[in-house]
Amino acid sequence: MMAAMDKPVTSLYGIRNCDTVKRARQWLDAQRYPYTYHDFKLQGVPEAALDRWLASVGWETLLNRQGTTWRKLDDATKAGVVDARSARAVMLATPSVIKRPVVDWPQGTTVGFKPQDWSARLA
């Protein structure tokens, strides 16, 4: 039997001022679910984690083309994002284009906040 301290750690990645990240953190806190938080703006994007996410969920899921940051990018930069490699470069240079939150659960990675899906993970 695993002791409580042996429980795999869940990590939530995002930006402090993002409303979706705020709701996700409040939801996890309300569930009393332990997690670590990594702020892209303060701590940067961890390259090894980004590579893992790209392999797991794909660059199309991870890249937020609906957000303000994407719309503010110049047309050449946007047109240059055609595959995981080019998307990775833009995500490292401009972390706000990463769809949030990204969560590394013990059983895999998710992008975005859907309480019903997260509840199923905690069951």
PDB file of N, CA and C in Angstrom:
ATOM      1  N   MET A   1       0.843  -1.178   0.000  1.00  0.00           N
ATOM      2  CA  MET A   1       0.000   0.000   0.000  1.00  0.00           C
ATOM      3  C   MET A   1       0.887   1.240   0.000  1.00  0.00           C
ATOM      4  N   MET A   2       0.532   2.228  -0.848  1.00  0.00           N
ATOM      5  CA  MET A   2       1.321   3.450  -0.937  1.00  0.00           C
ATOM      6  C   MET A   2       0.936   4.408   0.171  1.00  0.00           C
ATOM      7  N   ALA A   3       1.928   5.018   0.764  1.00  0.00           N
ATOM      8  CA  ALA A   3       1.658   6.074   1.742  1.00  0.00           C
ATOM      9  C   ALA A   3       1.223   7.316   0.993  1.00  0.00           C
ATOM     10  N   ALA A   4       0.537   8.226   1.686  1.00  0.00           N
ATOM     11  CA  ALA A   4       0.033   9.440   1.050  1.00  0.00           C
ATOM     12  C   ALA A   4       1.157  10.228   0.382  1.00  0.00           C
ATOM     13  N   MET A   5       2.329  10.236   0.987  1.00  0.00           N
ATOM     14  CA  MET A   5       3.415  11.012   0.415  1.00  0.00           C
ATOM     15  C   MET A   5       4.003  10.356  -0.835  1.00  0.00           C
ATOM     16  N   ASP A   6       3.650   9.099  -1.105  1.00  0.00           N
ATOM     17  CA  ASP A   6       4.124   8.416  -2.298  1.00  0.00           C
ATOM     18  C   ASP A   6       3.202   8.647  -3.499  1.00  0.00           C
ATOM     19  N   LYS A   7       2.096   9.345  -3.279  1.00  0.00           N
ATOM     20  CA  LYS A   7       1.135   9.595  -4.341  1.00  0.00           C
ATOM     21  C   LYS A   7       1.802  10.404  -5.454  1.00  0.00           C
ATOM     22  N   PRO A   8       1.619   9.992  -6.710  1.00  0.00           N
ATOM     23  CA  PRO A   8       2.217  10.744  -7.806  1.00  0.00           C
ATOM     24  C   PRO A   8       1.737  12.198  -7.790  1.00  0.00           C
ATOM     25  N   VAL A   9       2.627  13.089  -8.160  1.00  0.00           N
ATOM     26  CA  VAL A   9       2.313  14.518  -8.127  1.00  0.00           C
ATOM     27  C   VAL A   9       1.650  14.947  -9.431  1.00  0.00           C
ATOM     28  N   THR A  10       0.599  15.726  -9.304  1.00  0.00           N
ATOM     29  CA  THR A  10      -0.049  16.352 -10.446  1.00  0.00           C
ATOM     30  C   THR A  10       0.510  17.756 -10.569  1.00  0.00           C
ATOM     31  N   SER A  11       0.863  18.135 -11.784  1.00  0.00           N
ATOM     32  CA  SER A  11       1.410  19.466 -12.027  1.00  0.00           C
ATOM     33  C   SER A  11       0.509  20.238 -12.969  1.00  0.00           C
ATOM     34  N   LEU A  12       0.178  21.467 -12.577  1.00  0.00           N
ATOM     35  CA  LEU A  12      -0.652  22.348 -13.389  1.00  0.00           C
ATOM     36  C   LEU A  12       0.236  23.479 -13.904  1.00  0.00           C
ATOM     37  N   TYR A  13       0.168  23.717 -15.202  1.00  0.00           N
ATOM     38  CA  TYR A  13       0.971  24.746 -15.851  1.00  0.00           C
ATOM     39  C   TYR A  13       0.050  25.787 -16.460  1.00  0.00           C
ATOM     40  N   GLY A  14       0.406  27.046 -16.311  1.00  0.00           N
ATOM     41  CA  GLY A  14      -0.410  28.094 -16.895  1.00  0.00           C
ATOM     42  C   GLY A  14       0.141  29.469 -16.603  1.00  0.00           C
ATOM     43  N   ILE A  15      -0.751  30.433 -16.613  1.00  0.00           N
ATOM     44  CA  ILE A  15      -0.422  31.826 -16.347  1.00  0.00           C
ATOM     45  C   ILE A  15      -1.369  32.329 -15.270  1.00  0.00           C
ATOM     46  N   ARG A  16      -0.808  32.944 -14.257  1.00  0.00           N
ATOM     47  CA  ARG A  16      -1.558  33.362 -13.081  1.00  0.00           C
ATOM     48  C   ARG A  16      -2.807  34.181 -13.411  1.00  0.00           C
ATOM     49  N   ASN A  17      -2.726  35.089 -14.374  1.00  0.00           N
ATOM     50  CA  ASN A  17      -3.857  35.974 -14.668  1.00  0.00           C
ATOM     51  C   ASN A  17      -4.893  35.378 -15.612  1.00  0.00           C
ATOM     52  N   CYS A  18      -4.681  34.179 -16.083  1.00  0.00           N
ATOM     53  CA  CYS A  18      -5.630  33.513 -16.980  1.00  0.00           C
ATOM     54  C   CYS A  18      -6.853  33.065 -16.183  1.00  0.00           C
ATOM     55  N   ASP A  19      -8.032  33.483 -16.614  1.00  0.00           N
ATOM     56  CA  ASP A  19      -9.265  33.132 -15.896  1.00  0.00           C
ATOM     57  C   ASP A  19      -9.489  31.630 -15.834  1.00  0.00           C
ATOM     58  N   THR A  20      -9.176  30.918 -16.899  1.00  0.00           N
ATOM     59  CA  THR A  20      -9.367  29.466 -16.906  1.00  0.00           C
ATOM     60  C   THR A  20      -8.426  28.796 -15.917  1.00  0.00           C
ATOM     61  N   VAL A  21      -7.194  29.276 -15.837  1.00  0.00           N
ATOM     62  CA  VAL A  21      -6.240  28.732 -14.873  1.00  0.00           C
ATOM     63  C   VAL A  21      -6.726  29.021 -13.452  1.00  0.00           C
ATOM     64  N   LYS A  22      -7.247  30.208 -13.220  1.00  0.00           N
ATOM     65  CA  LYS A  22      -7.774  30.545 -11.890  1.00  0.00           C
ATOM     66  C   LYS A  22      -8.907  29.595 -11.506  1.00  0.00           C
ATOM     67  N   ARG A  23      -9.844  29.354 -12.438  1.00  0.00           N
ATOM     68  CA  ARG A  23     -10.966  28.441 -12.153  1.00  0.00           C
ATOM     69  C   ARG A  23     -10.461  27.025 -11.896  1.00  0.00           C
ATOM     70  N   ALA A  24      -9.486  26.592 -12.675  1.00  0.00           N
ATOM     71  CA  ALA A  24      -8.938  25.242 -12.510  1.00  0.00           C
ATOM     72  C   ALA A  24      -8.277  25.089 -11.146  1.00  0.00           C
ATOM     73  N   ARG A  25      -7.499  26.079 -10.756  1.00  0.00           N
ATOM     74  CA  ARG A  25      -6.824  26.012  -9.445  1.00  0.00           C
ATOM     75  C   ARG A  25      -7.845  26.042  -8.311  1.00  0.00           C
ATOM     76  N   GLN A  26      -8.864  26.870  -8.436  1.00  0.00           N
ATOM     77  CA  GLN A  26      -9.910  26.920  -7.406  1.00  0.00           C
ATOM     78  C   GLN A  26     -10.625  25.579  -7.317  1.00  0.00           C
ATOM     79  N   TRP A  27     -10.881  24.954  -8.457  1.00  0.00           N
ATOM     80  CA  TRP A  27     -11.555  23.673  -8.479  1.00  0.00           C
ATOM     81  C   TRP A  27     -10.705  22.605  -7.784  1.00  0.00           C
ATOM     82  N   LEU A  28      -9.422  22.547  -8.129  1.00  0.00           N
ATOM     83  CA  LEU A  28      -8.533  21.569  -7.477  1.00  0.00           C
ATOM     84  C   LEU A  28      -8.449  21.816  -5.978  1.00  0.00           C
ATOM     85  N   ASP A  29      -8.354  23.085  -5.580  1.00  0.00           N
ATOM     86  CA  ASP A  29      -8.310  23.422  -4.155  1.00  0.00           C
ATOM     87  C   ASP A  29      -9.593  22.977  -3.453  1.00  0.00           C
ATOM     88  N   ALA A  30     -10.737  23.194  -4.097  1.00  0.00           N
ATOM     89  CA  ALA A  30     -12.021  22.798  -3.505  1.00  0.00           C
ATOM     90  C   ALA A  30     -12.114  21.281  -3.345  1.00  0.00           C
ATOM     91  N   GLN A  31     -11.476  20.549  -4.252  1.00  0.00           N
ATOM     92  CA  GLN A  31     -11.459  19.075  -4.168  1.00  0.00           C
ATOM     93  C   GLN A  31     -10.402  18.581  -3.180  1.00  0.00           C
ATOM     94  N   ARG A  32      -9.601  19.515  -2.675  1.00  0.00           N
ATOM     95  CA  ARG A  32      -8.469  19.188  -1.795  1.00  0.00           C
ATOM     96  C   ARG A  32      -7.506  18.221  -2.486  1.00  0.00           C
ATOM     97  N   TYR A  33      -7.327  18.463  -3.777  1.00  0.00           N
ATOM     98  CA  TYR A  33      -6.443  17.625  -4.576  1.00  0.00           C
ATOM     99  C   TYR A  33      -5.071  18.287  -4.652  1.00  0.00           C
ATOM    100  N   PRO A  34      -4.031  17.595  -4.222  1.00  0.00           N
ATOM    101  CA  PRO A  34      -2.695  18.196  -4.215  1.00  0.00           C
ATOM    102  C   PRO A  34      -2.116  18.330  -5.630  1.00  0.00           C
ATOM    103  N   TYR A  35      -1.473  19.462  -5.867  1.00  0.00           N
ATOM    104  CA  TYR A  35      -0.835  19.695  -7.160  1.00  0.00           C
ATOM    105  C   TYR A  35       0.270  20.734  -6.992  1.00  0.00           C
ATOM    106  N   THR A  36       1.168  20.754  -7.945  1.00  0.00           N
ATOM    107  CA  THR A  36       2.155  21.823  -7.997  1.00  0.00           C
ATOM    108  C   THR A  36       1.727  22.760  -9.120  1.00  0.00           C
ATOM    109  N   TYR A  37       2.116  24.022  -9.007  1.00  0.00           N
ATOM    110  CA  TYR A  37       1.750  25.010 -10.015  1.00  0.00           C
ATOM    111  C   TYR A  37       3.001  25.627 -10.624  1.00  0.00           C
ATOM    112  N   HIS A  38       3.018  25.725 -11.936  1.00  0.00           N
ATOM    113  CA  HIS A  38       4.143  26.314 -12.661  1.00  0.00           C
ATOM    114  C   HIS A  38       3.597  27.439 -13.534  1.00  0.00           C
ATOM    115  N   ASP A  39       4.082  28.654 -13.305  1.00  0.00           N
ATOM    116  CA  ASP A  39       3.629  29.830 -14.050  1.00  0.00           C
ATOM    117  C   ASP A  39       4.597  30.092 -15.207  1.00  0.00           C
ATOM    118  N   PHE A  40       4.080  30.003 -16.437  1.00  0.00           N
ATOM    119  CA  PHE A  40       4.894  30.231 -17.621  1.00  0.00           C
ATOM    120  C   PHE A  40       5.540  31.615 -17.627  1.00  0.00           C
ATOM    121  N   LYS A  41       4.807  32.607 -17.172  1.00  0.00           N
ATOM    122  CA  LYS A  41       5.318  33.983 -17.210  1.00  0.00           C
ATOM    123  C   LYS A  41       6.493  34.163 -16.256  1.00  0.00           C
ATOM    124  N   LEU A  42       6.405  33.540 -15.089  1.00  0.00           N
ATOM    125  CA  LEU A  42       7.449  33.699 -14.080  1.00  0.00           C
ATOM    126  C   LEU A  42       8.588  32.701 -14.234  1.00  0.00           C
ATOM    127  N   GLN A  43       8.259  31.488 -14.644  1.00  0.00           N
ATOM    128  CA  GLN A  43       9.247  30.405 -14.632  1.00  0.00           C
ATOM    129  C   GLN A  43       9.626  29.905 -16.023  1.00  0.00           C
ATOM    130  N   GLY A  44       8.986  30.435 -17.046  1.00  0.00           N
ATOM    131  CA  GLY A  44       9.262  29.972 -18.402  1.00  0.00           C
ATOM    132  C   GLY A  44       8.602  28.637 -18.687  1.00  0.00           C
ATOM    133  N   VAL A  45       8.750  28.193 -19.909  1.00  0.00           N
ATOM    134  CA  VAL A  45       8.188  26.908 -20.323  1.00  0.00           C
ATOM    135  C   VAL A  45       9.276  25.848 -20.198  1.00  0.00           C
ATOM    136  N   PRO A  46       9.049  24.823 -19.380  1.00  0.00           N
ATOM    137  CA  PRO A  46      10.056  23.752 -19.265  1.00  0.00           C
ATOM    138  C   PRO A  46      10.107  22.947 -20.572  1.00  0.00           C
ATOM    139  N   GLU A  47      11.262  22.969 -21.221  1.00  0.00           N
ATOM    140  CA  GLU A  47      11.377  22.350 -22.545  1.00  0.00           C
ATOM    141  C   GLU A  47      11.074  20.855 -22.542  1.00  0.00           C
ATOM    142  N   ALA A  48      11.532  20.154 -21.519  1.00  0.00           N
ATOM    143  CA  ALA A  48      11.273  18.702 -21.467  1.00  0.00           C
ATOM    144  C   ALA A  48       9.771  18.441 -21.340  1.00  0.00           C
ATOM    145  N   ALA A  49       9.077  19.255 -20.544  1.00  0.00           N
ATOM    146  CA  ALA A  49       7.632  19.106 -20.399  1.00  0.00           C
ATOM    147  C   ALA A  49       6.932  19.435 -21.718  1.00  0.00           C
ATOM    148  N   LEU A  50       7.359  20.510 -22.382  1.00  0.00           N
ATOM    149  CA  LEU A  50       6.758  20.882 -23.663  1.00  0.00           C
ATOM    150  C   LEU A  50       6.909  19.748 -24.670  1.00  0.00           C
ATOM    151  N   ASP A  51       8.074  19.137 -24.727  1.00  0.00           N
ATOM    152  CA  ASP A  51       8.294  18.018 -25.640  1.00  0.00           C
ATOM    153  C   ASP A  51       7.363  16.845 -25.311  1.00  0.00           C
ATOM    154  N   ARG A  52       7.172  16.605 -24.023  1.00  0.00           N
ATOM    155  CA  ARG A  52       6.268  15.529 -23.580  1.00  0.00           C
ATOM    156  C   ARG A  52       4.824  15.835 -23.999  1.00  0.00           C
ATOM    157  N   TRP A  53       4.409  17.092 -23.819  1.00  0.00           N
ATOM    158  CA  TRP A  53       3.044  17.483 -24.193  1.00  0.00           C
ATOM    159  C   TRP A  53       2.823  17.373 -25.694  1.00  0.00           C
ATOM    160  N   LEU A  54       3.809  17.828 -26.456  1.00  0.00           N
ATOM    161  CA  LEU A  54       3.691  17.755 -27.915  1.00  0.00           C
ATOM    162  C   LEU A  54       3.540  16.302 -28.367  1.00  0.00           C
ATOM    163  N   ALA A  55       4.292  15.403 -27.741  1.00  0.00           N
ATOM    164  CA  ALA A  55       4.199  13.977 -28.079  1.00  0.00           C
ATOM    165  C   ALA A  55       2.868  13.386 -27.623  1.00  0.00           C
ATOM    166  N   SER A  56       2.351  13.877 -26.501  1.00  0.00           N
ATOM    167  CA  SER A  56       1.145  13.312 -25.904  1.00  0.00           C
ATOM    168  C   SER A  56      -0.149  13.833 -26.532  1.00  0.00           C
ATOM    169  N   VAL A  57      -0.297  15.155 -26.593  1.00  0.00           N
ATOM    170  CA  VAL A  57      -1.570  15.738 -27.050  1.00  0.00           C
ATOM    171  C   VAL A  57      -1.495  16.347 -28.440  1.00  0.00           C
ATOM    172  N   GLY A  58      -0.285  16.582 -28.939  1.00  0.00           N
ATOM    173  CA  GLY A  58      -0.126  17.143 -30.276  1.00  0.00           C
ATOM    174  C   GLY A  58      -0.080  18.664 -30.276  1.00  0.00           C
ATOM    175  N   TRP A  59       0.626  19.207 -31.233  1.00  0.00           N
ATOM    176  CA  TRP A  59       0.806  20.654 -31.286  1.00  0.00           C
ATOM    177  C   TRP A  59      -0.491  21.386 -31.607  1.00  0.00           C
ATOM    178  N   GLU A  60      -1.385  20.775 -32.374  1.00  0.00           N
ATOM    179  CA  GLU A  60      -2.637  21.438 -32.733  1.00  0.00           C
ATOM    180  C   GLU A  60      -3.520  21.668 -31.504  1.00  0.00           C
ATOM    181  N   THR A  61      -3.480  20.733 -30.563  1.00  0.00           N
ATOM    182  CA  THR A  61      -4.248  20.874 -29.330  1.00  0.00           C
ATOM    183  C   THR A  61      -3.596  21.887 -28.403  1.00  0.00           C
ATOM    184  N   LEU A  62      -2.294  21.889 -28.362  1.00  0.00           N
ATOM    185  CA  LEU A  62      -1.549  22.725 -27.424  1.00  0.00           C
ATOM    186  C   LEU A  62      -1.485  24.196 -27.834  1.00  0.00           C
ATOM    187  N   LEU A  63      -1.549  24.471 -29.108  1.00  0.00           N
ATOM    188  CA  LEU A  63      -1.432  25.837 -29.614  1.00  0.00           C
ATOM    189  C   LEU A  63      -2.793  26.524 -29.587  1.00  0.00           C
ATOM    190  N   ASN A  64      -2.872  27.638 -28.887  1.00  0.00           N
ATOM    191  CA  ASN A  64      -4.131  28.383 -28.775  1.00  0.00           C
ATOM    192  C   ASN A  64      -4.208  29.434 -29.878  1.00  0.00           C
ATOM    193  N   ARG A  65      -4.870  29.084 -30.965  1.00  0.00           N
ATOM    194  CA  ARG A  65      -5.029  30.008 -32.087  1.00  0.00           C
ATOM    195  C   ARG A  65      -6.209  30.956 -31.895  1.00  0.00           C
ATOM    196  N   GLN A  66      -6.952  30.793 -30.809  1.00  0.00           N
ATOM    197  CA  GLN A  66      -8.106  31.654 -30.545  1.00  0.00           C
ATOM    198  C   GLN A  66      -7.767  32.846 -29.655  1.00  0.00           C
ATOM    199  N   GLY A  67      -6.650  32.794 -28.989  1.00  0.00           N
ATOM    200  CA  GLY A  67      -6.311  33.790 -27.986  1.00  0.00           C
ATOM    201  C   GLY A  67      -5.764  35.091 -28.549  1.00  0.00           C
ATOM    202  N   THR A  68      -5.757  36.102 -27.694  1.00  0.00           N
ATOM    203  CA  THR A  68      -5.257  37.427 -28.036  1.00  0.00           C
ATOM    204  C   THR A  68      -3.787  37.380 -28.440  1.00  0.00           C
ATOM    205  N   THR A  69      -2.993  36.600 -27.734  1.00  0.00           N
ATOM    206  CA  THR A  69      -1.562  36.545 -28.027  1.00  0.00           C
ATOM    207  C   THR A  69      -1.318  36.050 -29.448  1.00  0.00           C
ATOM    208  N   TRP A  70      -2.029  35.012 -29.854  1.00  0.00           N
ATOM    209  CA  TRP A  70      -1.887  34.493 -31.223  1.00  0.00           C
ATOM    210  C   TRP A  70      -2.272  35.572 -32.239  1.00  0.00           C
ATOM    211  N   ARG A  71      -3.382  36.246 -32.004  1.00  0.00           N
ATOM    212  CA  ARG A  71      -3.850  37.268 -32.943  1.00  0.00           C
ATOM    213  C   ARG A  71      -2.866  38.423 -33.071  1.00  0.00           C
ATOM    214  N   LYS A  72      -2.097  38.680 -32.019  1.00  0.00           N
ATOM    215  CA  LYS A  72      -1.126  39.775 -32.039  1.00  0.00           C
ATOM    216  C   LYS A  72       0.182  39.413 -32.741  1.00  0.00           C
ATOM    217  N   LEU A  73       0.418  38.121 -32.966  1.00  0.00           N
ATOM    218  CA  LEU A  73       1.639  37.714 -33.662  1.00  0.00           C
ATOM    219  C   LEU A  73       1.593  38.212 -35.106  1.00  0.00           C
ATOM    220  N   ASP A  74       2.769  38.485 -35.668  1.00  0.00           N
ATOM    221  CA  ASP A  74       2.796  38.927 -37.062  1.00  0.00           C
ATOM    222  C   ASP A  74       2.402  37.766 -37.971  1.00  0.00           C
ATOM    223  N   ASP A  75       1.923  38.110 -39.145  1.00  0.00           N
ATOM    224  CA  ASP A  75       1.410  37.107 -40.078  1.00  0.00           C
ATOM    225  C   ASP A  75       2.466  36.085 -40.482  1.00  0.00           C
ATOM    226  N   ALA A  76       3.707  36.519 -40.617  1.00  0.00           N
ATOM    227  CA  ALA A  76       4.775  35.592 -41.006  1.00  0.00           C
ATOM    228  C   ALA A  76       4.989  34.522 -39.932  1.00  0.00           C
ATOM    229  N   THR A  77       4.953  34.935 -38.673  1.00  0.00           N
ATOM    230  CA  THR A  77       5.114  33.976 -37.580  1.00  0.00           C
ATOM    231  C   THR A  77       3.965  32.980 -37.594  1.00  0.00           C
ATOM    232  N   LYS A  78       2.746  33.483 -37.702  1.00  0.00           N
ATOM    233  CA  LYS A  78       1.574  32.598 -37.725  1.00  0.00           C
ATOM    234  C   LYS A  78       1.629  31.634 -38.912  1.00  0.00           C
ATOM    235  N   ALA A  79       1.978  32.141 -40.073  1.00  0.00           N
ATOM    236  CA  ALA A  79       2.041  31.297 -41.267  1.00  0.00           C
ATOM    237  C   ALA A  79       3.151  30.253 -41.160  1.00  0.00           C
ATOM    238  N   GLY A  80       4.183  30.547 -40.366  1.00  0.00           N
ATOM    239  CA  GLY A  80       5.302  29.633 -40.215  1.00  0.00           C
ATOM    240  C   GLY A  80       5.038  28.459 -39.297  1.00  0.00           C
ATOM    241  N   VAL A  81       3.918  28.484 -38.588  1.00  0.00           N
ATOM    242  CA  VAL A  81       3.583  27.374 -37.682  1.00  0.00           C
ATOM    243  C   VAL A  81       2.831  26.312 -38.483  1.00  0.00           C
ATOM    244  N   VAL A  82       3.583  25.286 -38.884  1.00  0.00           N
ATOM    245  CA  VAL A  82       3.016  24.261 -39.753  1.00  0.00           C
ATOM    246  C   VAL A  82       3.195  22.836 -39.226  1.00  0.00           C
ATOM    247  N   ASP A  83       3.977  22.700 -38.142  1.00  0.00           N
ATOM    248  CA  ASP A  83       4.230  21.368 -37.594  1.00  0.00           C
ATOM    249  C   ASP A  83       4.670  21.509 -36.136  1.00  0.00           C
ATOM    250  N   ALA A  84       4.947  20.388 -35.504  1.00  0.00           N
ATOM    251  CA  ALA A  84       5.307  20.401 -34.085  1.00  0.00           C
ATOM    252  C   ALA A  84       6.581  21.208 -33.837  1.00  0.00           C
ATOM    253  N   ARG A  85       7.543  21.098 -34.730  1.00  0.00           N
ATOM    254  CA  ARG A  85       8.812  21.810 -34.537  1.00  0.00           C
ATOM    255  C   ARG A  85       8.613  23.327 -34.571  1.00  0.00           C
ATOM    256  N   SER A  86       7.872  23.814 -35.556  1.00  0.00           N
ATOM    257  CA  SER A  86       7.651  25.263 -35.660  1.00  0.00           C
ATOM    258  C   SER A  86       6.736  25.756 -34.537  1.00  0.00           C
ATOM    259  N   ALA A  87       5.756  24.957 -34.153  1.00  0.00           N
ATOM    260  CA  ALA A  87       4.872  25.331 -33.041  1.00  0.00           C
ATOM    261  C   ALA A  87       5.665  25.394 -31.743  1.00  0.00           C
ATOM    262  N   ARG A  88       6.573  24.448 -31.540  1.00  0.00           N
ATOM    263  CA  ARG A  88       7.406  24.417 -30.342  1.00  0.00           C
ATOM    264  C   ARG A  88       8.218  25.699 -30.223  1.00  0.00           C
ATOM    265  N   ALA A  89       8.814  26.130 -31.320  1.00  0.00           N
ATOM    266  CA  ALA A  89       9.633  27.347 -31.302  1.00  0.00           C
ATOM    267  C   ALA A  89       8.798  28.566 -30.894  1.00  0.00           C
ATOM    268  N   VAL A  90       7.597  28.673 -31.428  1.00  0.00           N
ATOM    269  CA  VAL A  90       6.719  29.807 -31.083  1.00  0.00           C
ATOM    270  C   VAL A  90       6.277  29.706 -29.629  1.00  0.00           C
ATOM    271  N   MET A  91       5.977  28.508 -29.154  1.00  0.00           N
ATOM    272  CA  MET A  91       5.543  28.329 -27.762  1.00  0.00           C
ATOM    273  C   MET A  91       6.652  28.679 -26.778  1.00  0.00           C
ATOM    274  N   LEU A  92       7.882  28.352 -27.118  1.00  0.00           N
ATOM    275  CA  LEU A  92       9.000  28.701 -26.238  1.00  0.00           C
ATOM    276  C   LEU A  92       9.246  30.210 -26.234  1.00  0.00           C
ATOM    277  N   ALA A  93       9.106  30.830 -27.403  1.00  0.00           N
ATOM    278  CA  ALA A  93       9.345  32.270 -27.512  1.00  0.00           C
ATOM    279  C   ALA A  93       8.194  33.095 -26.945  1.00  0.00           C
ATOM    280  N   THR A  94       6.965  32.555 -27.056  1.00  0.00           N
ATOM    281  CA  THR A  94       5.763  33.272 -26.631  1.00  0.00           C
ATOM    282  C   THR A  94       4.862  32.306 -25.865  1.00  0.00           C
ATOM    283  N   PRO A  95       5.172  32.055 -24.582  1.00  0.00           N
ATOM    284  CA  PRO A  95       4.436  31.041 -23.818  1.00  0.00           C
ATOM    285  C   PRO A  95       2.923  31.268 -23.738  1.00  0.00           C
ATOM    286  N   SER A  96       2.469  32.491 -23.898  1.00  0.00           N
ATOM    287  CA  SER A  96       1.036  32.771 -23.806  1.00  0.00           C
ATOM    288  C   SER A  96       0.228  32.143 -24.934  1.00  0.00           C
ATOM    289  N   VAL A  97       0.883  31.616 -25.978  1.00  0.00           N
ATOM    290  CA  VAL A  97       0.138  30.945 -27.043  1.00  0.00           C
ATOM    291  C   VAL A  97      -0.180  29.495 -26.693  1.00  0.00           C
ATOM    292  N   ILE A  98       0.302  29.026 -25.550  1.00  0.00           N
ATOM    293  CA  ILE A  98      -0.017  27.664 -25.114  1.00  0.00           C
ATOM    294  C   ILE A  98      -1.400  27.673 -24.474  1.00  0.00           C
ATOM    295  N   LYS A  99      -2.258  26.783 -24.958  1.00  0.00           N
ATOM    296  CA  LYS A  99      -3.607  26.661 -24.395  1.00  0.00           C
ATOM    297  C   LYS A  99      -3.480  26.229 -22.948  1.00  0.00           C
ATOM    298  N   ARG A 100      -4.316  26.798 -22.095  1.00  0.00           N
ATOM    299  CA  ARG A 100      -4.180  26.587 -20.657  1.00  0.00           C
ATOM    300  C   ARG A 100      -5.489  26.121 -20.022  1.00  0.00           C
ATOM    301  N   PRO A 101      -5.319  25.490 -18.855  1.00  0.00           N
ATOM    302  CA  PRO A 101      -4.090  24.981 -18.272  1.00  0.00           C
ATOM    303  C   PRO A 101      -3.659  23.669 -18.936  1.00  0.00           C
ATOM    304  N   VAL A 102      -2.371  23.404 -18.817  1.00  0.00           N
ATOM    305  CA  VAL A 102      -1.838  22.088 -19.171  1.00  0.00           C
ATOM    306  C   VAL A 102      -1.634  21.375 -17.842  1.00  0.00           C
ATOM    307  N   VAL A 103      -2.142  20.154 -17.747  1.00  0.00           N
ATOM    308  CA  VAL A 103      -2.019  19.414 -16.492  1.00  0.00           C
ATOM    309  C   VAL A 103      -1.378  18.057 -16.761  1.00  0.00           C
ATOM    310  N   ASP A 104      -0.307  17.807 -16.030  1.00  0.00           N
ATOM    311  CA  ASP A 104       0.313  16.486 -16.043  1.00  0.00           C
ATOM    312  C   ASP A 104      -0.261  15.706 -14.866  1.00  0.00           C
ATOM    313  N   TRP A 105      -1.205  14.815 -15.168  1.00  0.00           N
ATOM    314  CA  TRP A 105      -1.812  13.935 -14.174  1.00  0.00           C
ATOM    315  C   TRP A 105      -0.967  12.674 -14.091  1.00  0.00           C
ATOM    316  N   PRO A 106      -1.116  11.905 -13.028  1.00  0.00           N
ATOM    317  CA  PRO A 106      -0.406  10.625 -12.973  1.00  0.00           C
ATOM    318  C   PRO A 106      -0.722   9.731 -14.178  1.00  0.00           C
ATOM    319  N   GLN A 107      -1.942   9.867 -14.738  1.00  0.00           N
ATOM    320  CA  GLN A 107      -2.350   9.009 -15.850  1.00  0.00           C
ATOM    321  C   GLN A 107      -2.312   9.701 -17.218  1.00  0.00           C
ATOM    322  N   GLY A 108      -1.606  10.824 -17.336  1.00  0.00           N
ATOM    323  CA  GLY A 108      -1.483  11.463 -18.642  1.00  0.00           C
ATOM    324  C   GLY A 108      -1.656  12.974 -18.585  1.00  0.00           C
ATOM    325  N   THR A 109      -1.618  13.594 -19.751  1.00  0.00           N
ATOM    326  CA  THR A 109      -1.677  15.046 -19.869  1.00  0.00           C
ATOM    327  C   THR A 109      -3.008  15.494 -20.452  1.00  0.00           C
ATOM    328  N   THR A 110      -3.551  16.586 -19.909  1.00  0.00           N
ATOM    329  CA  THR A 110      -4.743  17.205 -20.474  1.00  0.00           C
ATOM    330  C   THR A 110      -4.463  18.682 -20.726  1.00  0.00           C
ATOM    331  N   VAL A 111      -5.259  19.255 -21.620  1.00  0.00           N
ATOM    332  CA  VAL A 111      -5.165  20.678 -21.933  1.00  0.00           C
ATOM    333  C   VAL A 111      -6.564  21.267 -21.810  1.00  0.00           C
ATOM    334  N   GLY A 112      -6.660  22.376 -21.079  1.00  0.00           N
ATOM    335  CA  GLY A 112      -7.965  23.001 -20.849  1.00  0.00           C
ATOM    336  C   GLY A 112      -8.570  22.536 -19.542  1.00  0.00           C
ATOM    337  N   PHE A 113      -9.672  23.174 -19.180  1.00  0.00           N
ATOM    338  CA  PHE A 113     -10.331  22.851 -17.913  1.00  0.00           C
ATOM    339  C   PHE A 113     -11.772  22.445 -18.152  1.00  0.00           C
ATOM    340  N   LYS A 114     -12.067  21.177 -17.878  1.00  0.00           N
ATOM    341  CA  LYS A 114     -13.417  20.642 -17.964  1.00  0.00           C
ATOM    342  C   LYS A 114     -13.679  19.888 -16.667  1.00  0.00           C
ATOM    343  N   PRO A 115     -14.429  20.505 -15.740  1.00  0.00           N
ATOM    344  CA  PRO A 115     -14.641  19.881 -14.425  1.00  0.00           C
ATOM    345  C   PRO A 115     -15.130  18.434 -14.495  1.00  0.00           C
ATOM    346  N   GLN A 116     -16.037  18.123 -15.434  1.00  0.00           N
ATOM    347  CA  GLN A 116     -16.558  16.750 -15.506  1.00  0.00           C
ATOM    348  C   GLN A 116     -15.454  15.758 -15.868  1.00  0.00           C
ATOM    349  N   ASP A 117     -14.556  16.158 -16.762  1.00  0.00           N
ATOM    350  CA  ASP A 117     -13.442  15.273 -17.119  1.00  0.00           C
ATOM    351  C   ASP A 117     -12.464  15.130 -15.957  1.00  0.00           C
ATOM    352  N   TRP A 118     -12.212  16.232 -15.276  1.00  0.00           N
ATOM    353  CA  TRP A 118     -11.290  16.194 -14.162  1.00  0.00           C
ATOM    354  C   TRP A 118     -11.863  15.356 -13.021  1.00  0.00           C
ATOM    355  N   SER A 119     -13.159  15.455 -12.781  1.00  0.00           N
ATOM    356  CA  SER A 119     -13.802  14.636 -11.729  1.00  0.00           C
ATOM    357  C   SER A 119     -13.592  13.157 -11.999  1.00  0.00           C
ATOM    358  N   ALA A 120     -13.709  12.761 -13.251  1.00  0.00           N
ATOM    359  CA  ALA A 120     -13.507  11.367 -13.612  1.00  0.00           C
ATOM    360  C   ALA A 120     -12.070  10.925 -13.310  1.00  0.00           C
ATOM    361  N   ARG A 121     -11.115  11.810 -13.472  1.00  0.00           N
ATOM    362  CA  ARG A 121      -9.719  11.481 -13.178  1.00  0.00           C
ATOM    363  C   ARG A 121      -9.491  11.272 -11.671  1.00  0.00           C
ATOM    364  N   LEU A 122     -10.257  11.984 -10.871  1.00  0.00           N
ATOM    365  CA  LEU A 122     -10.074  11.884  -9.432  1.00  0.00           C
ATOM    366  C   LEU A 122     -10.814  10.718  -8.809  1.00  0.00           C
ATOM    367  N   ALA A 123     -11.729  10.122  -9.577  1.00  0.00           N
ATOM    368  CA  ALA A 123     -12.553   9.023  -9.047  1.00  0.00           C
ATOM    369  C   ALA A 123     -11.745   7.763  -8.861  1.00  0.00           C
TER     370      ALA A 123
END
